[in-house]
Amino acid sequence: MLRRLPVDEALIKLDKFLTGAYVSGLYTVRVIHGKGTGTLRREVRRELSRHPLVKSFRPAEPWEGGGGAVVVQLVEK
């Protein structure tokens, strides 16, 4: 969960989370960034769009966290 973190700290935590998920063999993860002002959401999505382990991502459905989360598909090993 990245809510309430400064952007730079959140992006470091995001990278560690994605790497850990990939190493663990997960292919789908949910990243919770919160709603707030939208700054963290924007930066998280920007980072996901260029991260080498991310195949694709989409906004979370209401039951997955809605506007405060994103569902990420990781590349396969």
PDB file of N, CA and C in Angstrom:
ATOM      1  N   MET A   1       0.844  -1.168   0.000  1.00  0.00           N
ATOM      2  CA  MET A   1       0.000   0.000   0.000  1.00  0.00           C
ATOM      3  C   MET A   1       0.898   1.242   0.000  1.00  0.00           C
ATOM      4  N   LEU A   2       0.582   2.150  -0.896  1.00  0.00           N
ATOM      5  CA  LEU A   2       1.409   3.342  -1.077  1.00  0.00           C
ATOM      6  C   LEU A   2       0.741   4.611  -0.549  1.00  0.00           C
ATOM      7  N   ARG A   3      -0.451   4.471  -0.046  1.00  0.00           N
ATOM      8  CA  ARG A   3      -1.197   5.649   0.427  1.00  0.00           C
ATOM      9  C   ARG A   3      -0.381   6.478   1.403  1.00  0.00           C
ATOM     10  N   ARG A   4      -0.503   7.791   1.226  1.00  0.00           N
ATOM     11  CA  ARG A   4       0.096   8.798   2.121  1.00  0.00           C
ATOM     12  C   ARG A   4       1.618   8.834   2.112  1.00  0.00           C
ATOM     13  N   LEU A   5       2.247   8.168   1.161  1.00  0.00           N
ATOM     14  CA  LEU A   5       3.707   8.237   1.059  1.00  0.00           C
ATOM     15  C   LEU A   5       4.100   9.355   0.100  1.00  0.00           C
ATOM     16  N   PRO A   6       5.264   9.971   0.310  1.00  0.00           N
ATOM     17  CA  PRO A   6       5.782  10.906  -0.689  1.00  0.00           C
ATOM     18  C   PRO A   6       6.053  10.142  -1.984  1.00  0.00           C
ATOM     19  N   VAL A   7       5.943  10.806  -3.113  1.00  0.00           N
ATOM     20  CA  VAL A   7       6.073  10.148  -4.407  1.00  0.00           C
ATOM     21  C   VAL A   7       7.379   9.381  -4.523  1.00  0.00           C
ATOM     22  N   ASP A   8       8.505  10.000  -4.179  1.00  0.00           N
ATOM     23  CA  ASP A   8       9.789   9.312  -4.340  1.00  0.00           C
ATOM     24  C   ASP A   8       9.867   8.039  -3.505  1.00  0.00           C
ATOM     25  N   GLU A   9       9.358   8.092  -2.292  1.00  0.00           N
ATOM     26  CA  GLU A   9       9.350   6.915  -1.422  1.00  0.00           C
ATOM     27  C   GLU A   9       8.381   5.849  -1.948  1.00  0.00           C
ATOM     28  N   ALA A  10       7.246   6.288  -2.449  1.00  0.00           N
ATOM     29  CA  ALA A  10       6.246   5.361  -2.984  1.00  0.00           C
ATOM     30  C   ALA A  10       6.771   4.625  -4.212  1.00  0.00           C
ATOM     31  N   LEU A  11       7.504   5.305  -5.072  1.00  0.00           N
ATOM     32  CA  LEU A  11       8.019   4.658  -6.279  1.00  0.00           C
ATOM     33  C   LEU A  11       9.103   3.631  -5.959  1.00  0.00           C
ATOM     34  N   ILE A  12       9.887   3.878  -4.943  1.00  0.00           N
ATOM     35  CA  ILE A  12      10.877   2.892  -4.500  1.00  0.00           C
ATOM     36  C   ILE A  12      10.159   1.657  -3.957  1.00  0.00           C
ATOM     37  N   LYS A  13       9.144   1.892  -3.135  1.00  0.00           N
ATOM     38  CA  LYS A  13       8.371   0.789  -2.568  1.00  0.00           C
ATOM     39  C   LYS A  13       7.642   0.017  -3.675  1.00  0.00           C
ATOM     40  N   LEU A  14       7.129   0.719  -4.674  1.00  0.00           N
ATOM     41  CA  LEU A  14       6.451   0.079  -5.797  1.00  0.00           C
ATOM     42  C   LEU A  14       7.403  -0.846  -6.544  1.00  0.00           C
ATOM     43  N   ASP A  15       8.600  -0.386  -6.832  1.00  0.00           N
ATOM     44  CA  ASP A  15       9.581  -1.206  -7.541  1.00  0.00           C
ATOM     45  C   ASP A  15       9.916  -2.468  -6.748  1.00  0.00           C
ATOM     46  N   LYS A  16      10.116  -2.334  -5.447  1.00  0.00           N
ATOM     47  CA  LYS A  16      10.412  -3.493  -4.604  1.00  0.00           C
ATOM     48  C   LYS A  16       9.237  -4.465  -4.584  1.00  0.00           C
ATOM     49  N   PHE A  17       8.018  -3.936  -4.533  1.00  0.00           N
ATOM     50  CA  PHE A  17       6.822  -4.770  -4.523  1.00  0.00           C
ATOM     51  C   PHE A  17       6.689  -5.549  -5.830  1.00  0.00           C
ATOM     52  N   LEU A  18       6.863  -4.875  -6.949  1.00  0.00           N
ATOM     53  CA  LEU A  18       6.740  -5.532  -8.250  1.00  0.00           C
ATOM     54  C   LEU A  18       7.815  -6.599  -8.429  1.00  0.00           C
ATOM     55  N   THR A  19       9.031  -6.298  -8.022  1.00  0.00           N
ATOM     56  CA  THR A  19      10.121  -7.263  -8.121  1.00  0.00           C
ATOM     57  C   THR A  19       9.847  -8.480  -7.245  1.00  0.00           C
ATOM     58  N   GLY A  20       9.401  -8.248  -6.035  1.00  0.00           N
ATOM     59  CA  GLY A  20       9.081  -9.349  -5.126  1.00  0.00           C
ATOM     60  C   GLY A  20       7.951 -10.217  -5.649  1.00  0.00           C
ATOM     61  N   ALA A  21       6.929  -9.590  -6.209  1.00  0.00           N
ATOM     62  CA  ALA A  21       5.796 -10.331  -6.771  1.00  0.00           C
ATOM     63  C   ALA A  21       6.258 -11.182  -7.946  1.00  0.00           C
ATOM     64  N   TYR A  22       7.096 -10.626  -8.792  1.00  0.00           N
ATOM     65  CA  TYR A  22       7.605 -11.345  -9.956  1.00  0.00           C
ATOM     66  C   TYR A  22       8.448 -12.550  -9.526  1.00  0.00           C
ATOM     67  N   VAL A  23       9.341 -12.324  -8.588  1.00  0.00           N
ATOM     68  CA  VAL A  23      10.209 -13.402  -8.093  1.00  0.00           C
ATOM     69  C   VAL A  23       9.375 -14.508  -7.439  1.00  0.00           C
ATOM     70  N   SER A  24       8.270 -14.124  -6.814  1.00  0.00           N
ATOM     71  CA  SER A  24       7.384 -15.096  -6.158  1.00  0.00           C
ATOM     72  C   SER A  24       6.491 -15.846  -7.139  1.00  0.00           C
ATOM     73  N   GLY A  25       6.532 -15.452  -8.399  1.00  0.00           N
ATOM     74  CA  GLY A  25       5.735 -16.146  -9.405  1.00  0.00           C
ATOM     75  C   GLY A  25       4.333 -15.606  -9.594  1.00  0.00           C
ATOM     76  N   LEU A  26       4.052 -14.428  -9.061  1.00  0.00           N
ATOM     77  CA  LEU A  26       2.729 -13.823  -9.250  1.00  0.00           C
ATOM     78  C   LEU A  26       2.669 -13.130 -10.604  1.00  0.00           C
ATOM     79  N   TYR A  27       1.509 -13.169 -11.215  1.00  0.00           N
ATOM     80  CA  TYR A  27       1.346 -12.517 -12.520  1.00  0.00           C
ATOM     81  C   TYR A  27       0.353 -11.368 -12.480  1.00  0.00           C
ATOM     82  N   THR A  28      -0.457 -11.309 -11.433  1.00  0.00           N
ATOM     83  CA  THR A  28      -1.400 -10.215 -11.266  1.00  0.00           C
ATOM     84  C   THR A  28      -1.302  -9.713  -9.837  1.00  0.00           C
ATOM     85  N   VAL A  29      -1.165  -8.400  -9.682  1.00  0.00           N
ATOM     86  CA  VAL A  29      -1.120  -7.791  -8.357  1.00  0.00           C
ATOM     87  C   VAL A  29      -1.980  -6.534  -8.361  1.00  0.00           C
ATOM     88  N   ARG A  30      -2.345  -6.106  -7.175  1.00  0.00           N
ATOM     89  CA  ARG A  30      -3.116  -4.864  -7.028  1.00  0.00           C
ATOM     90  C   ARG A  30      -2.269  -3.876  -6.237  1.00  0.00           C
ATOM     91  N   VAL A  31      -2.135  -2.688  -6.758  1.00  0.00           N
ATOM     92  CA  VAL A  31      -1.380  -1.624  -6.108  1.00  0.00           C
ATOM     93  C   VAL A  31      -2.383  -0.603  -5.580  1.00  0.00           C
ATOM     94  N   ILE A  32      -2.340  -0.348  -4.286  1.00  0.00           N
ATOM     95  CA  ILE A  32      -3.243   0.614  -3.661  1.00  0.00           C
ATOM     96  C   ILE A  32      -2.483   1.924  -3.466  1.00  0.00           C
ATOM     97  N   HIS A  33      -2.911   2.958  -4.192  1.00  0.00           N
ATOM     98  CA  HIS A  33      -2.252   4.261  -4.097  1.00  0.00           C
ATOM     99  C   HIS A  33      -3.132   5.295  -3.419  1.00  0.00           C
ATOM    100  N   GLY A  34      -4.376   4.986  -3.192  1.00  0.00           N
ATOM    101  CA  GLY A  34      -5.305   5.921  -2.561  1.00  0.00           C
ATOM    102  C   GLY A  34      -5.851   6.923  -3.563  1.00  0.00           C
ATOM    103  N   LYS A  35      -6.822   7.693  -3.130  1.00  0.00           N
ATOM    104  CA  LYS A  35      -7.466   8.669  -4.017  1.00  0.00           C
ATOM    105  C   LYS A  35      -6.801  10.032  -3.901  1.00  0.00           C
ATOM    106  N   GLY A  36      -6.774  10.609  -2.756  1.00  0.00           N
ATOM    107  CA  GLY A  36      -6.086  11.875  -2.494  1.00  0.00           C
ATOM    108  C   GLY A  36      -6.244  12.927  -3.579  1.00  0.00           C
ATOM    109  N   THR A  37      -5.149  13.608  -3.887  1.00  0.00           N
ATOM    110  CA  THR A  37      -5.166  14.681  -4.885  1.00  0.00           C
ATOM    111  C   THR A  37      -4.966  14.159  -6.300  1.00  0.00           C
ATOM    112  N   GLY A  38      -4.551  12.907  -6.424  1.00  0.00           N
ATOM    113  CA  GLY A  38      -4.316  12.322  -7.735  1.00  0.00           C
ATOM    114  C   GLY A  38      -2.863  12.331  -8.159  1.00  0.00           C
ATOM    115  N   THR A  39      -2.014  13.012  -7.407  1.00  0.00           N
ATOM    116  CA  THR A  39      -0.600  13.089  -7.766  1.00  0.00           C
ATOM    117  C   THR A  39       0.064  11.717  -7.700  1.00  0.00           C
ATOM    118  N   LEU A  40      -0.155  11.008  -6.618  1.00  0.00           N
ATOM    119  CA  LEU A  40       0.463   9.687  -6.468  1.00  0.00           C
ATOM    120  C   LEU A  40      -0.102   8.719  -7.505  1.00  0.00           C
ATOM    121  N   ARG A  41      -1.395   8.775  -7.760  1.00  0.00           N
ATOM    122  CA  ARG A  41      -2.006   7.915  -8.781  1.00  0.00           C
ATOM    123  C   ARG A  41      -1.344   8.155 -10.140  1.00  0.00           C
ATOM    124  N   ARG A  42      -1.177   9.405 -10.498  1.00  0.00           N
ATOM    125  CA  ARG A  42      -0.572   9.754 -11.779  1.00  0.00           C
ATOM    126  C   ARG A  42       0.870   9.250 -11.877  1.00  0.00           C
ATOM    127  N   GLU A  43       1.640   9.454 -10.834  1.00  0.00           N
ATOM    128  CA  GLU A  43       3.044   9.041 -10.850  1.00  0.00           C
ATOM    129  C   GLU A  43       3.198   7.522 -10.814  1.00  0.00           C
ATOM    130  N   VAL A  44       2.344   6.842 -10.082  1.00  0.00           N
ATOM    131  CA  VAL A  44       2.377   5.374 -10.050  1.00  0.00           C
ATOM    132  C   VAL A  44       2.076   4.838 -11.443  1.00  0.00           C
ATOM    133  N   ARG A  45       1.070   5.366 -12.091  1.00  0.00           N
ATOM    134  CA  ARG A  45       0.725   4.893 -13.437  1.00  0.00           C
ATOM    135  C   ARG A  45       1.813   5.234 -14.450  1.00  0.00           C
ATOM    136  N   ARG A  46       2.443   6.358 -14.289  1.00  0.00           N
ATOM    137  CA  ARG A  46       3.556   6.715 -15.174  1.00  0.00           C
ATOM    138  C   ARG A  46       4.696   5.711 -15.004  1.00  0.00           C
ATOM    139  N   GLU A  47       4.990   5.373 -13.761  1.00  0.00           N
ATOM    140  CA  GLU A  47       6.054   4.403 -13.490  1.00  0.00           C
ATOM    141  C   GLU A  47       5.682   3.016 -14.020  1.00  0.00           C
ATOM    142  N   LEU A  48       4.429   2.626 -13.857  1.00  0.00           N
ATOM    143  CA  LEU A  48       3.990   1.318 -14.358  1.00  0.00           C
ATOM    144  C   LEU A  48       4.118   1.244 -15.877  1.00  0.00           C
ATOM    145  N   SER A  49       3.875   2.340 -16.558  1.00  0.00           N
ATOM    146  CA  SER A  49       3.921   2.336 -18.019  1.00  0.00           C
ATOM    147  C   SER A  49       5.327   2.103 -18.567  1.00  0.00           C
ATOM    148  N   ARG A  50       6.352   2.323 -17.737  1.00  0.00           N
ATOM    149  CA  ARG A  50       7.720   2.133 -18.221  1.00  0.00           C
ATOM    150  C   ARG A  50       8.500   1.077 -17.439  1.00  0.00           C
ATOM    151  N   HIS A  51       7.848   0.412 -16.503  1.00  0.00           N
ATOM    152  CA  HIS A  51       8.542  -0.595 -15.684  1.00  0.00           C
ATOM    153  C   HIS A  51       8.726  -1.877 -16.490  1.00  0.00           C
ATOM    154  N   PRO A  52       9.930  -2.451 -16.504  1.00  0.00           N
ATOM    155  CA  PRO A  52      10.202  -3.627 -17.336  1.00  0.00           C
ATOM    156  C   PRO A  52       9.447  -4.897 -16.934  1.00  0.00           C
ATOM    157  N   LEU A  53       8.959  -4.982 -15.717  1.00  0.00           N
ATOM    158  CA  LEU A  53       8.231  -6.177 -15.289  1.00  0.00           C
ATOM    159  C   LEU A  53       6.727  -6.083 -15.525  1.00  0.00           C
ATOM    160  N   VAL A  54       6.258  -4.924 -15.973  1.00  0.00           N
ATOM    161  CA  VAL A  54       4.814  -4.707 -16.152  1.00  0.00           C
ATOM    162  C   VAL A  54       4.412  -4.966 -17.598  1.00  0.00           C
ATOM    163  N   LYS A  55       3.505  -5.915 -17.761  1.00  0.00           N
ATOM    164  CA  LYS A  55       2.956  -6.225 -19.080  1.00  0.00           C
ATOM    165  C   LYS A  55       1.837  -5.245 -19.415  1.00  0.00           C
ATOM    166  N   SER A  56       0.944  -5.015 -18.449  1.00  0.00           N
ATOM    167  CA  SER A  56      -0.159  -4.075 -18.632  1.00  0.00           C
ATOM    168  C   SER A  56      -0.736  -3.723 -17.262  1.00  0.00           C
ATOM    169  N   PHE A  57      -1.583  -2.720 -17.245  1.00  0.00           N
ATOM    170  CA  PHE A  57      -2.280  -2.351 -16.009  1.00  0.00           C
ATOM    171  C   PHE A  57      -3.588  -1.686 -16.372  1.00  0.00           C
ATOM    172  N   ARG A  58      -4.515  -1.696 -15.405  1.00  0.00           N
ATOM    173  CA  ARG A  58      -5.831  -1.106 -15.612  1.00  0.00           C
ATOM    174  C   ARG A  58      -6.342  -0.548 -14.299  1.00  0.00           C
ATOM    175  N   PRO A  59      -7.257   0.407 -14.374  1.00  0.00           N
ATOM    176  CA  PRO A  59      -7.879   0.889 -13.136  1.00  0.00           C
ATOM    177  C   PRO A  59      -8.625  -0.253 -12.456  1.00  0.00           C
ATOM    178  N   ALA A  60      -8.629  -0.256 -11.160  1.00  0.00           N
ATOM    179  CA  ALA A  60      -9.323  -1.289 -10.402  1.00  0.00           C
ATOM    180  C   ALA A  60     -10.835  -1.096 -10.512  1.00  0.00           C
ATOM    181  N   GLU A  61     -11.548  -2.203 -10.527  1.00  0.00           N
ATOM    182  CA  GLU A  61     -13.007  -2.179 -10.471  1.00  0.00           C
ATOM    183  C   GLU A  61     -13.417  -1.750  -9.062  1.00  0.00           C
ATOM    184  N   PRO A  62     -14.674  -1.324  -8.876  1.00  0.00           N
ATOM    185  CA  PRO A  62     -15.105  -0.873  -7.548  1.00  0.00           C
ATOM    186  C   PRO A  62     -14.823  -1.885  -6.431  1.00  0.00           C
ATOM    187  N   TRP A  63     -15.004  -3.173  -6.700  1.00  0.00           N
ATOM    188  CA  TRP A  63     -14.769  -4.192  -5.668  1.00  0.00           C
ATOM    189  C   TRP A  63     -13.277  -4.494  -5.472  1.00  0.00           C
ATOM    190  N   GLU A  64     -12.426  -3.933  -6.322  1.00  0.00           N
ATOM    191  CA  GLU A  64     -10.979  -4.129  -6.204  1.00  0.00           C
ATOM    192  C   GLU A  64     -10.284  -2.919  -5.578  1.00  0.00           C
ATOM    193  N   GLY A  65     -11.022  -1.872  -5.320  1.00  0.00           N
ATOM    194  CA  GLY A  65     -10.436  -0.658  -4.754  1.00  0.00           C
ATOM    195  C   GLY A  65     -10.794   0.593  -5.519  1.00  0.00           C
ATOM    196  N   GLY A  66     -11.472   0.435  -6.662  1.00  0.00           N
ATOM    197  CA  GLY A  66     -11.935   1.578  -7.442  1.00  0.00           C
ATOM    198  C   GLY A  66     -10.833   2.553  -7.797  1.00  0.00           C
ATOM    199  N   GLY A  67     -11.127   3.841  -7.661  1.00  0.00           N
ATOM    200  CA  GLY A  67     -10.194   4.900  -8.036  1.00  0.00           C
ATOM    201  C   GLY A  67      -8.943   4.977  -7.187  1.00  0.00           C
ATOM    202  N   GLY A  68      -8.882   4.190  -6.113  1.00  0.00           N
ATOM    203  CA  GLY A  68      -7.714   4.218  -5.240  1.00  0.00           C
ATOM    204  C   GLY A  68      -6.719   3.100  -5.487  1.00  0.00           C
ATOM    205  N   ALA A  69      -6.934   2.356  -6.583  1.00  0.00           N
ATOM    206  CA  ALA A  69      -6.048   1.215  -6.838  1.00  0.00           C
ATOM    207  C   ALA A  69      -5.911   0.966  -8.334  1.00  0.00           C
ATOM    208  N   VAL A  70      -4.933   0.160  -8.688  1.00  0.00           N
ATOM    209  CA  VAL A  70      -4.689  -0.240 -10.060  1.00  0.00           C
ATOM    210  C   VAL A  70      -4.305  -1.718 -10.047  1.00  0.00           C
ATOM    211  N   VAL A  71      -4.804  -2.466 -11.049  1.00  0.00           N
ATOM    212  CA  VAL A  71      -4.490  -3.888 -11.171  1.00  0.00           C
ATOM    213  C   VAL A  71      -3.399  -4.031 -12.232  1.00  0.00           C
ATOM    214  N   VAL A  72      -2.340  -4.743 -11.878  1.00  0.00           N
ATOM    215  CA  VAL A  72      -1.163  -4.833 -12.719  1.00  0.00           C
ATOM    216  C   VAL A  72      -0.931  -6.284 -13.154  1.00  0.00           C
ATOM    217  N   GLN A  73      -0.715  -6.467 -14.459  1.00  0.00           N
ATOM    218  CA  GLN A  73      -0.327  -7.758 -15.018  1.00  0.00           C
ATOM    219  C   GLN A  73       1.190  -7.717 -15.197  1.00  0.00           C
ATOM    220  N   LEU A  74       1.872  -8.688 -14.615  1.00  0.00           N
ATOM    221  CA  LEU A  74       3.324  -8.760 -14.761  1.00  0.00           C
ATOM    222  C   LEU A  74       3.700  -9.654 -15.937  1.00  0.00           C
ATOM    223  N   VAL A  75       4.890  -9.442 -16.460  1.00  0.00           N
ATOM    224  CA  VAL A  75       5.377 -10.295 -17.539  1.00  0.00           C
ATOM    225  C   VAL A  75       5.571 -11.707 -16.999  1.00  0.00           C
ATOM    226  N   GLU A  76       5.516 -12.680 -17.877  1.00  0.00           N
ATOM    227  CA  GLU A  76       5.715 -14.066 -17.462  1.00  0.00           C
ATOM    228  C   GLU A  76       7.191 -14.422 -17.531  1.00  0.00           C
ATOM    229  N   LYS A  77       7.600 -15.320 -16.660  1.00  0.00           N
ATOM    230  CA  LYS A  77       9.003 -15.749 -16.618  1.00  0.00           C
ATOM    231  C   LYS A  77       9.331 -16.584 -17.824  1.00  0.00           C
TER     232      LYS A  77
END
